[in-house]
Amino acid sequence: MRRVISGLLALATAGLLAGPALAARPVEESSSTPMEHRVRLDRSFFDQVGPHVDVQALCGDAGARQVIEKRSAADALVGVLSIGFYTPAHARVVCNEPRGNR
């Protein structure tokens, strides 16, 4: 039992130290179309520190048709294991078509 508690404390400490460093900016992953962007959001401290989806940077003046932010099972597991100090998420942004392309 002592080893389990010390292991959890070590994991929480690692999350506390690494969380803000990993939560610097969103990481864009490969997308299926130029109109769709998938972004990984590395956040920390119970989702309070870290990047959010910047629709203007991804889609420009056309804006976004749809923004979906979610966590996979692996993201939730990492959040639980780090006791909330590192809480990753993923976002999917579908941009509107620019007006000139219609």
PDB file of N, CA and C in Angstrom:
ATOM      1  N   MET A   1       0.816  -1.192   0.000  1.00  0.00           N
ATOM      2  CA  MET A   1       0.000   0.000   0.000  1.00  0.00           C
ATOM      3  C   MET A   1       0.863   1.261   0.000  1.00  0.00           C
ATOM      4  N   ARG A   2       1.972   1.188   0.711  1.00  0.00           N
ATOM      5  CA  ARG A   2       2.867   2.331   0.777  1.00  0.00           C
ATOM      6  C   ARG A   2       3.455   2.634  -0.610  1.00  0.00           C
ATOM      7  N   ARG A   3       3.749   1.575  -1.365  1.00  0.00           N
ATOM      8  CA  ARG A   3       4.306   1.770  -2.716  1.00  0.00           C
ATOM      9  C   ARG A   3       3.280   2.392  -3.651  1.00  0.00           C
ATOM     10  N   VAL A   4       2.034   1.995  -3.496  1.00  0.00           N
ATOM     11  CA  VAL A   4       0.979   2.558  -4.339  1.00  0.00           C
ATOM     12  C   VAL A   4       0.827   4.048  -4.061  1.00  0.00           C
ATOM     13  N   ILE A   5       0.795   4.418  -2.807  1.00  0.00           N
ATOM     14  CA  ILE A   5       0.646   5.829  -2.443  1.00  0.00           C
ATOM     15  C   ILE A   5       1.853   6.641  -2.910  1.00  0.00           C
ATOM     16  N   SER A   6       3.053   6.097  -2.729  1.00  0.00           N
ATOM     17  CA  SER A   6       4.240   6.835  -3.182  1.00  0.00           C
ATOM     18  C   SER A   6       4.279   6.936  -4.706  1.00  0.00           C
ATOM     19  N   GLY A   7       3.792   5.912  -5.399  1.00  0.00           N
ATOM     20  CA  GLY A   7       3.717   5.974  -6.860  1.00  0.00           C
ATOM     21  C   GLY A   7       2.733   7.031  -7.327  1.00  0.00           C
ATOM     22  N   LEU A   8       1.570   7.106  -6.675  1.00  0.00           N
ATOM     23  CA  LEU A   8       0.588   8.129  -7.025  1.00  0.00           C
ATOM     24  C   LEU A   8       1.107   9.536  -6.736  1.00  0.00           C
ATOM     25  N   LEU A   9       1.804   9.686  -5.636  1.00  0.00           N
ATOM     26  CA  LEU A   9       2.388  10.994  -5.322  1.00  0.00           C
ATOM     27  C   LEU A   9       3.456  11.385  -6.339  1.00  0.00           C
ATOM     28  N   ALA A  10       4.253  10.424  -6.777  1.00  0.00           N
ATOM     29  CA  ALA A  10       5.268  10.708  -7.789  1.00  0.00           C
ATOM     30  C   ALA A  10       4.617  11.098  -9.111  1.00  0.00           C
ATOM     31  N   LEU A  11       3.529  10.408  -9.476  1.00  0.00           N
ATOM     32  CA  LEU A  11       2.819  10.727 -10.720  1.00  0.00           C
ATOM     33  C   LEU A  11       2.186  12.111 -10.633  1.00  0.00           C
ATOM     34  N   ALA A  12       1.604  12.430  -9.489  1.00  0.00           N
ATOM     35  CA  ALA A  12       1.000  13.759  -9.317  1.00  0.00           C
ATOM     36  C   ALA A  12       2.055  14.853  -9.372  1.00  0.00           C
ATOM     37  N   THR A  13       3.209  14.603  -8.794  1.00  0.00           N
ATOM     38  CA  THR A  13       4.294  15.581  -8.834  1.00  0.00           C
ATOM     39  C   THR A  13       4.783  15.792 -10.266  1.00  0.00           C
ATOM     40  N   ALA A  14       4.905  14.696 -11.013  1.00  0.00           N
ATOM     41  CA  ALA A  14       5.326  14.804 -12.418  1.00  0.00           C
ATOM     42  C   ALA A  14       4.296  15.592 -13.219  1.00  0.00           C
ATOM     43  N   GLY A  15       3.013  15.337 -12.969  1.00  0.00           N
ATOM     44  CA  GLY A  15       1.966  16.093 -13.652  1.00  0.00           C
ATOM     45  C   GLY A  15       1.983  17.555 -13.289  1.00  0.00           C
ATOM     46  N   LEU A  16       2.250  17.842 -12.024  1.00  0.00           N
ATOM     47  CA  LEU A  16       2.318  19.227 -11.564  1.00  0.00           C
ATOM     48  C   LEU A  16       3.461  19.984 -12.223  1.00  0.00           C
ATOM     49  N   LEU A  17       4.590  19.313 -12.393  1.00  0.00           N
ATOM     50  CA  LEU A  17       5.752  19.963 -12.996  1.00  0.00           C
ATOM     51  C   LEU A  17       5.661  20.028 -14.515  1.00  0.00           C
ATOM     52  N   ALA A  18       5.138  18.984 -15.143  1.00  0.00           N
ATOM     53  CA  ALA A  18       5.114  18.922 -16.605  1.00  0.00           C
ATOM     54  C   ALA A  18       3.879  19.580 -17.200  1.00  0.00           C
ATOM     55  N   GLY A  19       2.798  19.703 -16.439  1.00  0.00           N
ATOM     56  CA  GLY A  19       1.547  20.239 -16.977  1.00  0.00           C
ATOM     57  C   GLY A  19       1.676  21.600 -17.628  1.00  0.00           C
ATOM     58  N   PRO A  20       2.171  22.610 -16.926  1.00  0.00           N
ATOM     59  CA  PRO A  20       2.282  23.928 -17.545  1.00  0.00           C
ATOM     60  C   PRO A  20       3.222  23.957 -18.745  1.00  0.00           C
ATOM     61  N   ALA A  21       4.238  23.143 -18.742  1.00  0.00           N
ATOM     62  CA  ALA A  21       5.157  23.104 -19.879  1.00  0.00           C
ATOM     63  C   ALA A  21       4.474  22.519 -21.103  1.00  0.00           C
ATOM     64  N   LEU A  22       3.638  21.514 -20.906  1.00  0.00           N
ATOM     65  CA  LEU A  22       2.941  20.890 -22.022  1.00  0.00           C
ATOM     66  C   LEU A  22       1.758  21.729 -22.491  1.00  0.00           C
ATOM     67  N   ALA A  23       1.238  22.597 -21.662  1.00  0.00           N
ATOM     68  CA  ALA A  23       0.050  23.369 -21.973  1.00  0.00           C
ATOM     69  C   ALA A  23       0.367  24.690 -22.660  1.00  0.00           C
ATOM     70  N   ALA A  24       1.444  24.768 -23.360  1.00  0.00           N
ATOM     71  CA  ALA A  24       1.881  26.023 -23.963  1.00  0.00           C
ATOM     72  C   ALA A  24       1.010  26.459 -25.139  1.00  0.00           C
ATOM     73  N   ARG A  25       0.678  25.566 -26.062  1.00  0.00           N
ATOM     74  CA  ARG A  25      -0.071  25.958 -27.253  1.00  0.00           C
ATOM     75  C   ARG A  25      -0.780  24.738 -27.834  1.00  0.00           C
ATOM     76  N   PRO A  26      -1.819  24.951 -28.649  1.00  0.00           N
ATOM     77  CA  PRO A  26      -2.489  23.820 -29.268  1.00  0.00           C
ATOM     78  C   PRO A  26      -1.609  23.205 -30.352  1.00  0.00           C
ATOM     79  N   VAL A  27      -1.737  21.928 -30.550  1.00  0.00           N
ATOM     80  CA  VAL A  27      -0.963  21.220 -31.561  1.00  0.00           C
ATOM     81  C   VAL A  27      -1.924  20.740 -32.631  1.00  0.00           C
ATOM     82  N   GLU A  28      -1.739  21.223 -33.872  1.00  0.00           N
ATOM     83  CA  GLU A  28      -2.627  20.807 -34.952  1.00  0.00           C
ATOM     84  C   GLU A  28      -2.177  19.461 -35.492  1.00  0.00           C
ATOM     85  N   GLU A  29      -3.125  18.552 -35.578  1.00  0.00           N
ATOM     86  CA  GLU A  29      -2.855  17.226 -36.111  1.00  0.00           C
ATOM     87  C   GLU A  29      -3.277  17.197 -37.567  1.00  0.00           C
ATOM     88  N   SER A  30      -3.038  16.095 -38.251  1.00  0.00           N
ATOM     89  CA  SER A  30      -3.402  16.000 -39.662  1.00  0.00           C
ATOM     90  C   SER A  30      -4.914  16.067 -39.808  1.00  0.00           C
ATOM     91  N   SER A  31      -5.360  16.666 -40.889  1.00  0.00           N
ATOM     92  CA  SER A  31      -6.799  16.780 -41.125  1.00  0.00           C
ATOM     93  C   SER A  31      -7.157  16.092 -42.432  1.00  0.00           C
ATOM     94  N   SER A  32      -8.429  15.703 -42.540  1.00  0.00           N
ATOM     95  CA  SER A  32      -8.872  14.981 -43.726  1.00  0.00           C
ATOM     96  C   SER A  32      -9.131  15.925 -44.901  1.00  0.00           C
ATOM     97  N   THR A  33      -9.534  17.147 -44.629  1.00  0.00           N
ATOM     98  CA  THR A  33      -9.784  18.119 -45.693  1.00  0.00           C
ATOM     99  C   THR A  33      -9.212  19.466 -45.272  1.00  0.00           C
ATOM    100  N   PRO A  34      -9.012  20.375 -46.223  1.00  0.00           N
ATOM    101  CA  PRO A  34      -8.530  21.704 -45.844  1.00  0.00           C
ATOM    102  C   PRO A  34      -9.557  22.484 -45.031  1.00  0.00           C
ATOM    103  N   MET A  35     -10.817  22.086 -45.071  1.00  0.00           N
ATOM    104  CA  MET A  35     -11.881  22.763 -44.335  1.00  0.00           C
ATOM    105  C   MET A  35     -12.000  22.253 -42.899  1.00  0.00           C
ATOM    106  N   GLU A  36     -11.323  21.144 -42.591  1.00  0.00           N
ATOM    107  CA  GLU A  36     -11.441  20.529 -41.265  1.00  0.00           C
ATOM    108  C   GLU A  36     -10.080  20.500 -40.581  1.00  0.00           C
ATOM    109  N   HIS A  37     -10.050  20.898 -39.328  1.00  0.00           N
ATOM    110  CA  HIS A  37      -8.812  20.897 -38.559  1.00  0.00           C
ATOM    111  C   HIS A  37      -9.028  20.116 -37.275  1.00  0.00           C
ATOM    112  N   ARG A  38      -8.042  19.317 -36.919  1.00  0.00           N
ATOM    113  CA  ARG A  38      -8.070  18.601 -35.644  1.00  0.00           C
ATOM    114  C   ARG A  38      -6.925  19.144 -34.798  1.00  0.00           C
ATOM    115  N   VAL A  39      -7.227  19.528 -33.568  1.00  0.00           N
ATOM    116  CA  VAL A  39      -6.271  20.195 -32.706  1.00  0.00           C
ATOM    117  C   VAL A  39      -6.203  19.464 -31.362  1.00  0.00           C
ATOM    118  N   ARG A  40      -4.985  19.230 -30.896  1.00  0.00           N
ATOM    119  CA  ARG A  40      -4.799  18.662 -29.555  1.00  0.00           C
ATOM    120  C   ARG A  40      -4.545  19.814 -28.590  1.00  0.00           C
ATOM    121  N   LEU A  41      -5.270  19.825 -27.493  1.00  0.00           N
ATOM    122  CA  LEU A  41      -5.162  20.888 -26.498  1.00  0.00           C
ATOM    123  C   LEU A  41      -4.550  20.305 -25.232  1.00  0.00           C
ATOM    124  N   ASP A  42      -3.318  20.649 -24.963  1.00  0.00           N
ATOM    125  CA  ASP A  42      -2.626  20.166 -23.772  1.00  0.00           C
ATOM    126  C   ASP A  42      -2.850  21.175 -22.654  1.00  0.00           C
ATOM    127  N   ARG A  43      -3.756  20.864 -21.763  1.00  0.00           N
ATOM    128  CA  ARG A  43      -4.107  21.777 -20.676  1.00  0.00           C
ATOM    129  C   ARG A  43      -3.617  21.224 -19.347  1.00  0.00           C
ATOM    130  N   SER A  44      -3.682  22.060 -18.332  1.00  0.00           N
ATOM    131  CA  SER A  44      -3.268  21.615 -17.004  1.00  0.00           C
ATOM    132  C   SER A  44      -4.112  22.301 -15.941  1.00  0.00           C
ATOM    133  N   PHE A  45      -3.902  21.902 -14.708  1.00  0.00           N
ATOM    134  CA  PHE A  45      -4.596  22.465 -13.550  1.00  0.00           C
ATOM    135  C   PHE A  45      -6.107  22.490 -13.751  1.00  0.00           C
ATOM    136  N   PHE A  46      -6.680  21.299 -13.966  1.00  0.00           N
ATOM    137  CA  PHE A  46      -8.131  21.123 -14.064  1.00  0.00           C
ATOM    138  C   PHE A  46      -8.730  21.990 -15.170  1.00  0.00           C
ATOM    139  N   ASP A  47      -8.069  22.038 -16.306  1.00  0.00           N
ATOM    140  CA  ASP A  47      -8.519  22.781 -17.500  1.00  0.00           C
ATOM    141  C   ASP A  47      -8.444  24.298 -17.352  1.00  0.00           C
ATOM    142  N   GLN A  48      -7.750  24.799 -16.369  1.00  0.00           N
ATOM    143  CA  GLN A  48      -7.688  26.238 -16.144  1.00  0.00           C
ATOM    144  C   GLN A  48      -6.529  26.910 -16.875  1.00  0.00           C
ATOM    145  N   VAL A  49      -5.463  26.167 -17.173  1.00  0.00           N
ATOM    146  CA  VAL A  49      -4.276  26.723 -17.820  1.00  0.00           C
ATOM    147  C   VAL A  49      -4.063  25.983 -19.135  1.00  0.00           C
ATOM    148  N   GLY A  50      -3.857  26.717 -20.181  1.00  0.00           N
ATOM    149  CA  GLY A  50      -3.553  26.081 -21.454  1.00  0.00           C
ATOM    150  C   GLY A  50      -4.332  26.680 -22.604  1.00  0.00           C
ATOM    151  N   PRO A  51      -4.119  26.156 -23.786  1.00  0.00           N
ATOM    152  CA  PRO A  51      -4.702  26.738 -24.987  1.00  0.00           C
ATOM    153  C   PRO A  51      -6.181  26.407 -25.151  1.00  0.00           C
ATOM    154  N   HIS A  52      -6.851  27.250 -25.915  1.00  0.00           N
ATOM    155  CA  HIS A  52      -8.222  27.027 -26.340  1.00  0.00           C
ATOM    156  C   HIS A  52      -8.225  27.131 -27.861  1.00  0.00           C
ATOM    157  N   VAL A  53      -9.288  26.724 -28.483  1.00  0.00           N
ATOM    158  CA  VAL A  53      -9.368  26.723 -29.942  1.00  0.00           C
ATOM    159  C   VAL A  53      -9.430  28.167 -30.445  1.00  0.00           C
ATOM    160  N   ASP A  54      -8.523  28.520 -31.352  1.00  0.00           N
ATOM    161  CA  ASP A  54      -8.506  29.844 -31.977  1.00  0.00           C
ATOM    162  C   ASP A  54      -9.086  29.709 -33.384  1.00  0.00           C
ATOM    163  N   VAL A  55     -10.368  29.929 -33.502  1.00  0.00           N
ATOM    164  CA  VAL A  55     -11.067  29.759 -34.776  1.00  0.00           C
ATOM    165  C   VAL A  55     -10.541  30.725 -35.825  1.00  0.00           C
ATOM    166  N   GLN A  56     -10.237  31.944 -35.437  1.00  0.00           N
ATOM    167  CA  GLN A  56      -9.724  32.946 -36.388  1.00  0.00           C
ATOM    168  C   GLN A  56      -8.417  32.482 -37.018  1.00  0.00           C
ATOM    169  N   ALA A  57      -7.532  31.887 -36.234  1.00  0.00           N
ATOM    170  CA  ALA A  57      -6.253  31.420 -36.775  1.00  0.00           C
ATOM    171  C   ALA A  57      -6.437  30.214 -37.692  1.00  0.00           C
ATOM    172  N   LEU A  58      -7.401  29.360 -37.395  1.00  0.00           N
ATOM    173  CA  LEU A  58      -7.605  28.159 -38.201  1.00  0.00           C
ATOM    174  C   LEU A  58      -8.411  28.416 -39.461  1.00  0.00           C
ATOM    175  N   CYS A  59      -9.466  29.230 -39.374  1.00  0.00           N
ATOM    176  CA  CYS A  59     -10.394  29.389 -40.488  1.00  0.00           C
ATOM    177  C   CYS A  59     -10.338  30.751 -41.161  1.00  0.00           C
ATOM    178  N   GLY A  60      -9.712  31.719 -40.529  1.00  0.00           N
ATOM    179  CA  GLY A  60      -9.657  33.050 -41.115  1.00  0.00           C
ATOM    180  C   GLY A  60     -10.976  33.779 -40.972  1.00  0.00           C
ATOM    181  N   ASP A  61     -11.264  34.667 -41.919  1.00  0.00           N
ATOM    182  CA  ASP A  61     -12.473  35.489 -41.862  1.00  0.00           C
ATOM    183  C   ASP A  61     -13.748  34.700 -42.121  1.00  0.00           C
ATOM    184  N   ALA A  62     -13.641  33.519 -42.733  1.00  0.00           N
ATOM    185  CA  ALA A  62     -14.823  32.720 -43.047  1.00  0.00           C
ATOM    186  C   ALA A  62     -15.515  32.198 -41.795  1.00  0.00           C
ATOM    187  N   GLY A  63     -14.767  32.010 -40.723  1.00  0.00           N
ATOM    188  CA  GLY A  63     -15.354  31.513 -39.479  1.00  0.00           C
ATOM    189  C   GLY A  63     -15.508  30.008 -39.488  1.00  0.00           C
ATOM    190  N   ALA A  64     -16.095  29.486 -38.440  1.00  0.00           N
ATOM    191  CA  ALA A  64     -16.257  28.041 -38.294  1.00  0.00           C
ATOM    192  C   ALA A  64     -17.723  27.654 -38.341  1.00  0.00           C
ATOM    193  N   ARG A  65     -17.992  26.551 -38.988  1.00  0.00           N
ATOM    194  CA  ARG A  65     -19.330  25.997 -39.031  1.00  0.00           C
ATOM    195  C   ARG A  65     -19.597  25.162 -37.780  1.00  0.00           C
ATOM    196  N   GLN A  66     -18.539  24.465 -37.327  1.00  0.00           N
ATOM    197  CA  GLN A  66     -18.713  23.562 -36.195  1.00  0.00           C
ATOM    198  C   GLN A  66     -17.408  23.462 -35.408  1.00  0.00           C
ATOM    199  N   VAL A  67     -17.502  23.518 -34.090  1.00  0.00           N
ATOM    200  CA  VAL A  67     -16.359  23.319 -33.202  1.00  0.00           C
ATOM    201  C   VAL A  67     -16.779  22.293 -32.156  1.00  0.00           C
ATOM    202  N   ILE A  68     -16.096  21.162 -32.143  1.00  0.00           N
ATOM    203  CA  ILE A  68     -16.398  20.103 -31.177  1.00  0.00           C
ATOM    204  C   ILE A  68     -15.143  19.844 -30.370  1.00  0.00           C
ATOM    205  N   GLU A  69     -15.265  19.988 -29.069  1.00  0.00           N
ATOM    206  CA  GLU A  69     -14.148  19.740 -28.160  1.00  0.00           C
ATOM    207  C   GLU A  69     -14.532  18.552 -27.293  1.00  0.00           C
ATOM    208  N   LYS A  70     -13.648  17.548 -27.231  1.00  0.00           N
ATOM    209  CA  LYS A  70     -13.979  16.360 -26.445  1.00  0.00           C
ATOM    210  C   LYS A  70     -12.717  15.703 -25.908  1.00  0.00           C
ATOM    211  N   ARG A  71     -12.925  14.742 -25.030  1.00  0.00           N
ATOM    212  CA  ARG A  71     -11.840  13.943 -24.469  1.00  0.00           C
ATOM    213  C   ARG A  71     -12.058  12.485 -24.831  1.00  0.00           C
ATOM    214  N   SER A  72     -10.993  11.830 -25.227  1.00  0.00           N
ATOM    215  CA  SER A  72     -11.070  10.388 -25.452  1.00  0.00           C
ATOM    216  C   SER A  72     -10.940   9.680 -24.103  1.00  0.00           C
ATOM    217  N   ALA A  73     -11.113   8.372 -24.114  1.00  0.00           N
ATOM    218  CA  ALA A  73     -10.959   7.600 -22.880  1.00  0.00           C
ATOM    219  C   ALA A  73      -9.528   7.721 -22.352  1.00  0.00           C
ATOM    220  N   ALA A  74      -8.564   7.743 -23.270  1.00  0.00           N
ATOM    221  CA  ALA A  74      -7.161   7.877 -22.854  1.00  0.00           C
ATOM    222  C   ALA A  74      -6.900   9.249 -22.226  1.00  0.00           C
ATOM    223  N   ASP A  75      -7.515  10.295 -22.789  1.00  0.00           N
ATOM    224  CA  ASP A  75      -7.376  11.638 -22.216  1.00  0.00           C
ATOM    225  C   ASP A  75      -7.945  11.685 -20.797  1.00  0.00           C
ATOM    226  N   ALA A  76      -9.108  11.088 -20.613  1.00  0.00           N
ATOM    227  CA  ALA A  76      -9.731  11.068 -19.287  1.00  0.00           C
ATOM    228  C   ALA A  76      -8.883  10.278 -18.297  1.00  0.00           C
ATOM    229  N   LEU A  77      -8.322   9.174 -18.759  1.00  0.00           N
ATOM    230  CA  LEU A  77      -7.476   8.358 -17.884  1.00  0.00           C
ATOM    231  C   LEU A  77      -6.237   9.135 -17.446  1.00  0.00           C
ATOM    232  N   VAL A  78      -5.624   9.843 -18.367  1.00  0.00           N
ATOM    233  CA  VAL A  78      -4.447  10.653 -18.020  1.00  0.00           C
ATOM    234  C   VAL A  78      -4.829  11.745 -17.023  1.00  0.00           C
ATOM    235  N   GLY A  79      -5.985  12.359 -17.208  1.00  0.00           N
ATOM    236  CA  GLY A  79      -6.447  13.378 -16.272  1.00  0.00           C
ATOM    237  C   GLY A  79      -6.671  12.822 -14.878  1.00  0.00           C
ATOM    238  N   VAL A  80      -7.233  11.624 -14.803  1.00  0.00           N
ATOM    239  CA  VAL A  80      -7.472  11.001 -13.503  1.00  0.00           C
ATOM    240  C   VAL A  80      -6.154  10.598 -12.851  1.00  0.00           C
ATOM    241  N   LEU A  81      -5.263   9.985 -13.637  1.00  0.00           N
ATOM    242  CA  LEU A  81      -3.990   9.532 -13.077  1.00  0.00           C
ATOM    243  C   LEU A  81      -3.105  10.685 -12.611  1.00  0.00           C
ATOM    244  N   SER A  82      -3.215  11.821 -13.273  1.00  0.00           N
ATOM    245  CA  SER A  82      -2.409  12.976 -12.851  1.00  0.00           C
ATOM    246  C   SER A  82      -3.152  13.843 -11.830  1.00  0.00           C
ATOM    247  N   ILE A  83      -4.262  13.360 -11.358  1.00  0.00           N
ATOM    248  CA  ILE A  83      -5.084  14.044 -10.367  1.00  0.00           C
ATOM    249  C   ILE A  83      -5.465  15.457 -10.851  1.00  0.00           C
ATOM    250  N   GLY A  84      -5.727  15.588 -12.133  1.00  0.00           N
ATOM    251  CA  GLY A  84      -6.187  16.845 -12.702  1.00  0.00           C
ATOM    252  C   GLY A  84      -5.109  17.850 -13.054  1.00  0.00           C
ATOM    253  N   PHE A  85      -3.852  17.506 -12.833  1.00  0.00           N
ATOM    254  CA  PHE A  85      -2.793  18.469 -13.135  1.00  0.00           C
ATOM    255  C   PHE A  85      -2.475  18.528 -14.632  1.00  0.00           C
ATOM    256  N   TYR A  86      -2.778  17.459 -15.368  1.00  0.00           N
ATOM    257  CA  TYR A  86      -2.612  17.468 -16.826  1.00  0.00           C
ATOM    258  C   TYR A  86      -3.895  16.916 -17.417  1.00  0.00           C
ATOM    259  N   THR A  87      -4.639  17.744 -18.141  1.00  0.00           N
ATOM    260  CA  THR A  87      -5.944  17.352 -18.670  1.00  0.00           C
ATOM    261  C   THR A  87      -5.998  17.619 -20.173  1.00  0.00           C
ATOM    262  N   PRO A  88      -5.511  16.687 -20.989  1.00  0.00           N
ATOM    263  CA  PRO A  88      -5.526  16.894 -22.433  1.00  0.00           C
ATOM    264  C   PRO A  88      -6.946  16.781 -23.002  1.00  0.00           C
ATOM    265  N   ALA A  89      -7.150  17.406 -24.151  1.00  0.00           N
ATOM    266  CA  ALA A  89      -8.422  17.336 -24.862  1.00  0.00           C
ATOM    267  C   ALA A  89      -8.124  17.435 -26.356  1.00  0.00           C
ATOM    268  N   HIS A  90      -9.117  17.136 -27.173  1.00  0.00           N
ATOM    269  CA  HIS A  90      -9.003  17.249 -28.627  1.00  0.00           C
ATOM    270  C   HIS A  90     -10.168  18.085 -29.140  1.00  0.00           C
ATOM    271  N   ALA A  91      -9.927  18.829 -30.201  1.00  0.00           N
ATOM    272  CA  ALA A  91     -10.980  19.637 -30.814  1.00  0.00           C
ATOM    273  C   ALA A  91     -10.994  19.383 -32.315  1.00  0.00           C
ATOM    274  N   ARG A  92     -12.193  19.433 -32.874  1.00  0.00           N
ATOM    275  CA  ARG A  92     -12.384  19.306 -34.322  1.00  0.00           C
ATOM    276  C   ARG A  92     -13.094  20.574 -34.779  1.00  0.00           C
ATOM    277  N   VAL A  93     -12.474  21.285 -35.713  1.00  0.00           N
ATOM    278  CA  VAL A  93     -13.019  22.550 -36.215  1.00  0.00           C
ATOM    279  C   VAL A  93     -13.312  22.388 -37.703  1.00  0.00           C
ATOM    280  N   VAL A  94     -14.553  22.635 -38.089  1.00  0.00           N
ATOM    281  CA  VAL A  94     -14.940  22.599 -39.504  1.00  0.00           C
ATOM    282  C   VAL A  94     -15.188  24.034 -39.928  1.00  0.00           C
ATOM    283  N   CYS A  95     -14.392  24.503 -40.888  1.00  0.00           N
ATOM    284  CA  CYS A  95     -14.480  25.892 -41.334  1.00  0.00           C
ATOM    285  C   CYS A  95     -15.583  26.074 -42.366  1.00  0.00           C
ATOM    286  N   ASN A  96     -16.135  27.285 -42.414  1.00  0.00           N
ATOM    287  CA  ASN A  96     -17.063  27.658 -43.478  1.00  0.00           C
ATOM    288  C   ASN A  96     -16.295  27.813 -44.768  1.00  0.00           C
ATOM    289  N   GLU A  97     -17.002  27.658 -45.870  1.00  0.00           N
ATOM    290  CA  GLU A  97     -16.368  27.920 -47.165  1.00  0.00           C
ATOM    291  C   GLU A  97     -16.203  29.420 -47.338  1.00  0.00           C
ATOM    292  N   PRO A  98     -15.040  29.846 -47.847  1.00  0.00           N
ATOM    293  CA  PRO A  98     -14.910  31.289 -48.149  1.00  0.00           C
ATOM    294  C   PRO A  98     -15.957  31.706 -49.179  1.00  0.00           C
ATOM    295  N   ARG A  99     -16.460  32.907 -49.082  1.00  0.00           N
ATOM    296  CA  ARG A  99     -17.555  33.360 -49.955  1.00  0.00           C
ATOM    297  C   ARG A  99     -17.221  33.319 -51.428  1.00  0.00           C
ATOM    298  N   GLY A 100     -15.967  33.499 -51.798  1.00  0.00           N
ATOM    299  CA  GLY A 100     -15.578  33.493 -53.205  1.00  0.00           C
ATOM    300  C   GLY A 100     -15.594  32.126 -53.849  1.00  0.00           C
ATOM    301  N   ASN A 101     -15.649  31.056 -53.075  1.00  0.00           N
ATOM    302  CA  ASN A 101     -15.597  29.696 -53.621  1.00  0.00           C
ATOM    303  C   ASN A 101     -16.973  29.085 -53.815  1.00  0.00           C
ATOM    304  N   ARG A 102     -18.050  29.817 -53.635  1.00  0.00           N
ATOM    305  CA  ARG A 102     -19.393  29.232 -53.764  1.00  0.00           C
ATOM    306  C   ARG A 102     -19.879  29.246 -55.166  1.00  0.00           C
TER     307      ARG A 102
END
